[in-house]
């Protein structure tokens, strides 16, 4: 399996009823591509992504993904178009759809997806 230089923290960092301080997570992040699971909501999780640069082309055969930009700008390349997300904008990528997120500058986003998803996804060769 191909190795990627991402810091992906899949542990659930906050229990229910705990304060989630996004700015504190941003302040302590030095990585170019960082994901942290914040909390579990039924069978799904909310994750913070602090990203800059390109992720790889991939898909999730069994899982939809929701992306919501808090700051910065996120492009999600699909095979036939690119979706541009600015602050306070989001989109859902359907399961099985090949996509590549990329951020030209530091971008903070919220993601909602199933708790069992592998963020690396199925990589196209």
N, C-alpha and C. Protein backbone atom coordinates (compact mmCIF):
# COMPACT_ATOMS: atom_id res chain seq x y z
N UNK A 1 0.84 -1.19 0.00
CA UNK A 1 0.00 0.00 0.00
C UNK A 1 0.88 1.25 0.00
N UNK A 2 0.48 2.23 -0.76
CA UNK A 2 1.24 3.47 -0.85
C UNK A 2 1.20 4.23 0.48
N UNK A 3 2.33 4.86 0.84
CA UNK A 3 2.40 5.65 2.07
C UNK A 3 2.16 7.12 1.74
N UNK A 4 1.43 7.79 2.60
CA UNK A 4 1.14 9.20 2.42
C UNK A 4 1.61 9.96 3.65
N UNK A 5 2.00 11.21 3.46
CA UNK A 5 2.51 12.03 4.54
C UNK A 5 1.39 12.87 5.15
N UNK A 6 0.45 12.18 5.78
CA UNK A 6 -0.68 12.84 6.43
C UNK A 6 -0.65 12.48 7.90
N UNK A 7 -1.06 13.41 8.75
CA UNK A 7 -1.23 13.13 10.18
C UNK A 7 -2.71 12.92 10.41
N UNK A 8 -3.13 11.67 10.50
CA UNK A 8 -4.55 11.33 10.63
C UNK A 8 -4.80 10.69 11.98
N UNK A 9 -5.42 11.45 12.86
CA UNK A 9 -5.73 11.00 14.22
C UNK A 9 -7.17 10.53 14.26
N UNK A 10 -7.36 9.22 14.24
CA UNK A 10 -8.71 8.67 14.17
C UNK A 10 -9.31 8.40 15.55
N UNK A 11 -8.52 8.60 16.60
CA UNK A 11 -9.05 8.45 17.94
C UNK A 11 -10.08 9.55 18.20
N UNK A 12 -11.06 9.27 19.02
CA UNK A 12 -12.08 10.26 19.36
C UNK A 12 -11.52 11.13 20.48
N UNK A 13 -11.28 12.40 20.16
CA UNK A 13 -10.58 13.29 21.09
C UNK A 13 -11.48 13.82 22.21
N UNK A 14 -12.77 14.01 21.93
CA UNK A 14 -13.67 14.60 22.92
C UNK A 14 -14.86 13.70 23.19
N UNK A 15 -15.16 13.52 24.46
CA UNK A 15 -16.36 12.78 24.87
C UNK A 15 -17.57 13.71 24.77
N UNK A 16 -18.73 13.12 24.78
CA UNK A 16 -19.95 13.92 24.81
C UNK A 16 -19.91 14.86 26.02
N UNK A 17 -20.44 16.03 25.88
CA UNK A 17 -20.55 17.06 26.92
C UNK A 17 -19.23 17.76 27.22
N UNK A 18 -18.17 17.46 26.46
CA UNK A 18 -16.90 18.17 26.60
C UNK A 18 -16.86 19.32 25.60
N UNK A 19 -16.27 20.41 25.98
CA UNK A 19 -16.09 21.55 25.09
C UNK A 19 -15.07 21.20 24.01
N UNK A 20 -15.41 21.48 22.76
CA UNK A 20 -14.51 21.28 21.63
C UNK A 20 -14.04 22.66 21.19
N UNK A 21 -12.75 22.94 21.37
CA UNK A 21 -12.17 24.24 21.05
C UNK A 21 -11.37 24.11 19.75
N UNK A 22 -11.98 24.46 18.63
CA UNK A 22 -11.35 24.34 17.32
C UNK A 22 -10.11 25.22 17.22
N UNK A 23 -10.17 26.43 17.75
CA UNK A 23 -9.02 27.34 17.65
C UNK A 23 -7.79 26.76 18.35
N UNK A 24 -7.99 26.10 19.48
CA UNK A 24 -6.86 25.49 20.19
C UNK A 24 -6.23 24.38 19.35
N UNK A 25 -7.04 23.62 18.64
CA UNK A 25 -6.52 22.56 17.76
C UNK A 25 -5.74 23.18 16.60
N UNK A 26 -6.27 24.24 16.03
CA UNK A 26 -5.58 24.94 14.94
C UNK A 26 -4.23 25.47 15.43
N UNK A 27 -4.23 26.09 16.61
CA UNK A 27 -3.01 26.69 17.15
C UNK A 27 -1.91 25.67 17.40
N UNK A 28 -2.27 24.44 17.75
CA UNK A 28 -1.24 23.43 18.05
C UNK A 28 -0.84 22.60 16.83
N UNK A 29 -1.43 22.87 15.68
CA UNK A 29 -1.17 22.07 14.48
C UNK A 29 -0.01 22.65 13.66
N UNK A 30 0.99 21.79 13.38
CA UNK A 30 2.13 22.17 12.55
C UNK A 30 2.16 21.39 11.23
N UNK A 31 1.21 20.50 11.03
CA UNK A 31 1.20 19.63 9.87
C UNK A 31 0.58 20.30 8.65
N UNK A 32 0.99 19.86 7.46
CA UNK A 32 0.39 20.36 6.21
C UNK A 32 -0.95 19.69 5.95
N UNK A 33 -1.11 18.44 6.38
CA UNK A 33 -2.39 17.75 6.19
C UNK A 33 -2.70 16.98 7.46
N UNK A 34 -3.64 17.53 8.26
CA UNK A 34 -3.96 17.00 9.58
C UNK A 34 -5.46 16.76 9.70
N UNK A 35 -5.83 15.58 10.15
CA UNK A 35 -7.22 15.25 10.46
C UNK A 35 -7.29 14.77 11.90
N UNK A 36 -8.29 15.21 12.63
CA UNK A 36 -8.51 14.75 13.99
C UNK A 36 -10.00 14.47 14.17
N UNK A 37 -10.33 13.26 14.60
CA UNK A 37 -11.71 12.95 14.95
C UNK A 37 -12.05 13.72 16.21
N UNK A 38 -13.11 14.50 16.15
CA UNK A 38 -13.51 15.30 17.31
C UNK A 38 -14.43 14.54 18.24
N UNK A 39 -15.52 13.99 17.68
CA UNK A 39 -16.53 13.35 18.51
C UNK A 39 -17.33 12.37 17.67
N UNK A 40 -17.92 11.41 18.35
CA UNK A 40 -18.78 10.44 17.68
C UNK A 40 -20.23 10.84 17.85
N UNK A 41 -20.98 10.76 16.77
CA UNK A 41 -22.41 11.08 16.78
C UNK A 41 -23.12 9.86 16.20
N UNK A 42 -23.71 9.05 17.04
CA UNK A 42 -24.33 7.80 16.63
C UNK A 42 -23.30 6.96 15.85
N UNK A 43 -23.55 6.64 14.58
CA UNK A 43 -22.61 5.82 13.80
C UNK A 43 -21.66 6.67 12.97
N UNK A 44 -21.67 7.98 13.18
CA UNK A 44 -20.82 8.89 12.41
C UNK A 44 -19.85 9.62 13.33
N UNK A 45 -18.89 10.32 12.71
CA UNK A 45 -17.97 11.15 13.47
C UNK A 45 -17.87 12.52 12.81
N UNK A 46 -17.52 13.51 13.62
CA UNK A 46 -17.15 14.84 13.11
C UNK A 46 -15.64 14.93 13.24
N UNK A 47 -15.00 15.35 12.14
CA UNK A 47 -13.55 15.50 12.12
C UNK A 47 -13.18 16.91 11.71
N UNK A 48 -12.07 17.39 12.26
CA UNK A 48 -11.51 18.65 11.82
C UNK A 48 -10.36 18.32 10.86
N UNK A 49 -10.28 19.06 9.78
CA UNK A 49 -9.16 18.94 8.86
C UNK A 49 -8.47 20.29 8.77
N UNK A 50 -7.16 20.29 8.99
CA UNK A 50 -6.35 21.49 8.82
C UNK A 50 -5.37 21.12 7.72
N UNK A 51 -5.57 21.72 6.54
CA UNK A 51 -4.90 21.20 5.35
C UNK A 51 -4.30 22.31 4.50
N UNK A 52 -3.23 21.93 3.79
CA UNK A 52 -2.63 22.80 2.79
C UNK A 52 -1.92 21.88 1.81
N UNK A 53 -2.20 22.06 0.53
CA UNK A 53 -1.62 21.20 -0.49
C UNK A 53 -2.67 20.25 -1.04
N UNK A 54 -2.19 19.15 -1.63
CA UNK A 54 -3.09 18.20 -2.29
C UNK A 54 -3.14 16.88 -1.53
N UNK A 55 -4.33 16.33 -1.46
CA UNK A 55 -4.54 14.95 -1.03
C UNK A 55 -4.42 14.11 -2.31
N UNK A 56 -4.53 12.84 -2.21
CA UNK A 56 -4.44 11.98 -3.39
C UNK A 56 -5.84 11.66 -3.94
N UNK A 57 -5.90 11.25 -5.19
CA UNK A 57 -7.16 10.79 -5.78
C UNK A 57 -7.56 9.50 -5.08
N UNK A 58 -8.84 9.43 -4.67
CA UNK A 58 -9.34 8.24 -3.98
C UNK A 58 -10.86 8.24 -4.01
N UNK A 59 -11.45 7.16 -3.52
CA UNK A 59 -12.90 7.07 -3.36
C UNK A 59 -13.19 6.22 -2.14
N UNK A 60 -14.43 6.26 -1.72
CA UNK A 60 -14.90 5.45 -0.60
C UNK A 60 -16.11 4.67 -1.13
N UNK A 61 -15.93 3.38 -1.34
CA UNK A 61 -16.98 2.58 -1.97
C UNK A 61 -18.25 2.47 -1.12
N UNK A 62 -18.11 2.58 0.20
CA UNK A 62 -19.26 2.36 1.08
C UNK A 62 -19.73 3.60 1.84
N UNK A 63 -19.05 4.74 1.67
CA UNK A 63 -19.31 5.88 2.55
C UNK A 63 -19.40 7.20 1.80
N UNK A 64 -20.42 8.01 2.13
CA UNK A 64 -20.49 9.40 1.69
C UNK A 64 -19.59 10.22 2.63
N UNK A 65 -19.15 11.39 2.15
CA UNK A 65 -18.35 12.31 2.99
C UNK A 65 -18.92 13.71 2.86
N UNK A 66 -19.02 14.41 3.98
CA UNK A 66 -19.47 15.80 3.99
C UNK A 66 -18.28 16.68 4.36
N UNK A 67 -18.03 17.72 3.55
CA UNK A 67 -16.96 18.69 3.79
C UNK A 67 -17.59 20.06 4.00
N UNK A 68 -17.14 20.79 5.03
CA UNK A 68 -17.64 22.14 5.30
C UNK A 68 -16.46 23.02 5.68
N UNK A 69 -16.21 24.05 4.90
CA UNK A 69 -15.04 24.91 5.11
C UNK A 69 -15.34 25.97 6.18
N UNK A 70 -14.45 26.05 7.17
CA UNK A 70 -14.54 27.08 8.21
C UNK A 70 -13.69 28.29 7.84
N UNK A 71 -12.48 28.04 7.30
CA UNK A 71 -11.61 29.14 6.85
C UNK A 71 -10.72 28.62 5.72
N UNK A 72 -10.29 29.55 4.87
CA UNK A 72 -9.46 29.16 3.73
C UNK A 72 -10.30 28.85 2.50
N UNK A 73 -9.78 27.96 1.66
CA UNK A 73 -10.47 27.59 0.42
C UNK A 73 -10.11 26.15 0.11
N UNK A 74 -11.13 25.34 -0.18
CA UNK A 74 -10.93 23.94 -0.52
C UNK A 74 -11.49 23.68 -1.91
N UNK A 75 -10.69 23.03 -2.73
CA UNK A 75 -11.16 22.53 -4.03
C UNK A 75 -11.31 21.02 -3.89
N UNK A 76 -12.39 20.49 -4.42
CA UNK A 76 -12.55 19.05 -4.49
C UNK A 76 -12.69 18.70 -5.97
N UNK A 77 -11.63 18.10 -6.49
CA UNK A 77 -11.62 17.70 -7.89
C UNK A 77 -12.40 16.39 -8.04
N UNK A 78 -13.29 16.37 -9.01
CA UNK A 78 -14.00 15.16 -9.42
C UNK A 78 -13.52 14.84 -10.83
N UNK A 79 -13.93 13.73 -11.38
CA UNK A 79 -13.47 13.37 -12.71
C UNK A 79 -13.95 14.36 -13.78
N UNK A 80 -15.11 14.99 -13.56
CA UNK A 80 -15.69 15.84 -14.60
C UNK A 80 -15.82 17.32 -14.21
N UNK A 81 -15.46 17.67 -12.97
CA UNK A 81 -15.55 19.07 -12.55
C UNK A 81 -14.80 19.27 -11.25
N UNK A 82 -14.66 20.52 -10.84
CA UNK A 82 -14.06 20.88 -9.56
C UNK A 82 -15.07 21.69 -8.76
N UNK A 83 -15.24 21.33 -7.50
CA UNK A 83 -16.12 22.06 -6.59
C UNK A 83 -15.23 22.97 -5.75
N UNK A 84 -15.55 24.27 -5.71
CA UNK A 84 -14.79 25.23 -4.91
C UNK A 84 -15.60 25.57 -3.67
N UNK A 85 -14.99 25.39 -2.51
CA UNK A 85 -15.65 25.69 -1.24
C UNK A 85 -14.90 26.80 -0.52
N UNK A 86 -15.62 27.85 -0.20
CA UNK A 86 -15.11 28.98 0.58
C UNK A 86 -15.69 28.89 1.99
N UNK A 87 -15.28 29.76 2.91
CA UNK A 87 -15.82 29.69 4.27
C UNK A 87 -17.35 29.67 4.29
N UNK A 88 -17.88 28.84 5.16
CA UNK A 88 -19.31 28.65 5.35
C UNK A 88 -19.99 27.99 4.17
N UNK A 89 -19.23 27.23 3.38
CA UNK A 89 -19.78 26.44 2.28
C UNK A 89 -19.38 24.99 2.45
N UNK A 90 -20.25 24.10 2.01
CA UNK A 90 -19.97 22.68 2.13
C UNK A 90 -20.55 21.90 0.97
N UNK A 91 -20.19 20.63 0.92
CA UNK A 91 -20.74 19.72 -0.08
C UNK A 91 -20.60 18.29 0.43
N UNK A 92 -21.41 17.41 -0.14
CA UNK A 92 -21.32 15.99 0.16
C UNK A 92 -20.82 15.27 -1.08
N UNK A 93 -19.82 14.43 -0.90
CA UNK A 93 -19.30 13.60 -1.98
C UNK A 93 -19.90 12.21 -1.78
N UNK A 94 -20.58 11.73 -2.80
CA UNK A 94 -21.26 10.44 -2.73
C UNK A 94 -20.27 9.28 -2.71
N UNK A 95 -20.67 8.21 -2.05
CA UNK A 95 -19.84 7.01 -2.03
C UNK A 95 -19.56 6.55 -3.46
N UNK A 96 -18.36 6.02 -3.66
CA UNK A 96 -17.98 5.51 -4.95
C UNK A 96 -17.48 6.54 -5.95
N UNK A 97 -17.51 7.84 -5.58
CA UNK A 97 -17.09 8.90 -6.49
C UNK A 97 -15.60 9.21 -6.27
N UNK A 98 -14.82 9.11 -7.34
CA UNK A 98 -13.40 9.41 -7.29
C UNK A 98 -13.23 10.92 -7.07
N UNK A 99 -12.39 11.30 -6.10
CA UNK A 99 -12.22 12.71 -5.78
C UNK A 99 -10.84 12.97 -5.19
N UNK A 100 -10.45 14.27 -5.25
CA UNK A 100 -9.17 14.70 -4.68
C UNK A 100 -9.36 16.07 -4.05
N UNK A 101 -9.33 16.17 -2.73
CA UNK A 101 -9.35 17.48 -2.07
C UNK A 101 -7.98 18.16 -2.18
N UNK A 102 -8.00 19.48 -2.32
CA UNK A 102 -6.75 20.24 -2.33
C UNK A 102 -7.03 21.65 -1.83
N UNK A 103 -6.02 22.21 -1.18
CA UNK A 103 -6.15 23.54 -0.58
C UNK A 103 -4.93 24.36 -0.97
N UNK A 104 -5.13 25.48 -1.70
CA UNK A 104 -3.99 26.30 -2.12
C UNK A 104 -3.32 27.05 -0.98
N UNK A 105 -4.05 27.21 0.13
CA UNK A 105 -3.50 27.85 1.33
C UNK A 105 -4.09 27.12 2.53
N UNK A 106 -3.58 27.42 3.71
CA UNK A 106 -4.07 26.75 4.92
C UNK A 106 -5.59 26.88 5.00
N UNK A 107 -6.24 25.74 5.13
CA UNK A 107 -7.70 25.68 5.16
C UNK A 107 -8.14 24.81 6.33
N UNK A 108 -9.19 25.25 7.00
CA UNK A 108 -9.76 24.49 8.11
C UNK A 108 -11.15 24.05 7.69
N UNK A 109 -11.40 22.76 7.81
CA UNK A 109 -12.71 22.23 7.40
C UNK A 109 -13.22 21.24 8.43
N UNK A 110 -14.53 21.12 8.44
CA UNK A 110 -15.21 20.13 9.25
C UNK A 110 -15.68 19.03 8.31
N UNK A 111 -15.50 17.78 8.71
CA UNK A 111 -15.98 16.65 7.92
C UNK A 111 -16.89 15.81 8.79
N UNK A 112 -17.95 15.29 8.17
CA UNK A 112 -18.83 14.35 8.85
C UNK A 112 -18.88 13.10 7.98
N UNK A 113 -18.59 11.97 8.59
CA UNK A 113 -18.53 10.71 7.86
C UNK A 113 -18.75 9.57 8.82
N UNK A 114 -18.89 8.36 8.30
CA UNK A 114 -19.09 7.22 9.19
C UNK A 114 -17.85 7.00 10.04
N UNK A 115 -18.06 6.46 11.22
CA UNK A 115 -16.95 6.23 12.14
C UNK A 115 -15.96 5.20 11.62
N UNK A 116 -16.39 4.34 10.70
CA UNK A 116 -15.55 3.25 10.21
C UNK A 116 -14.80 3.60 8.93
N UNK A 117 -15.00 4.78 8.38
CA UNK A 117 -14.36 5.15 7.11
C UNK A 117 -12.84 5.17 7.25
N UNK A 118 -12.15 4.75 6.21
CA UNK A 118 -10.70 4.90 6.14
C UNK A 118 -10.44 6.14 5.30
N UNK A 119 -9.92 7.23 5.89
CA UNK A 119 -9.74 8.48 5.13
C UNK A 119 -8.86 8.32 3.88
N UNK A 120 -7.94 7.37 3.90
CA UNK A 120 -7.10 7.14 2.73
C UNK A 120 -7.96 6.67 1.56
N UNK A 121 -9.02 5.93 1.86
CA UNK A 121 -9.93 5.47 0.82
C UNK A 121 -9.32 4.40 -0.07
N UNK A 122 -10.04 4.11 -1.14
CA UNK A 122 -9.54 3.19 -2.15
C UNK A 122 -8.79 4.04 -3.16
N UNK A 123 -7.51 3.75 -3.33
CA UNK A 123 -6.64 4.56 -4.19
C UNK A 123 -6.67 3.98 -5.60
N UNK A 124 -6.87 4.87 -6.55
CA UNK A 124 -6.86 4.46 -7.96
C UNK A 124 -5.41 4.35 -8.43
N UNK A 125 -5.11 3.28 -9.15
CA UNK A 125 -3.74 3.16 -9.64
C UNK A 125 -3.63 3.51 -11.10
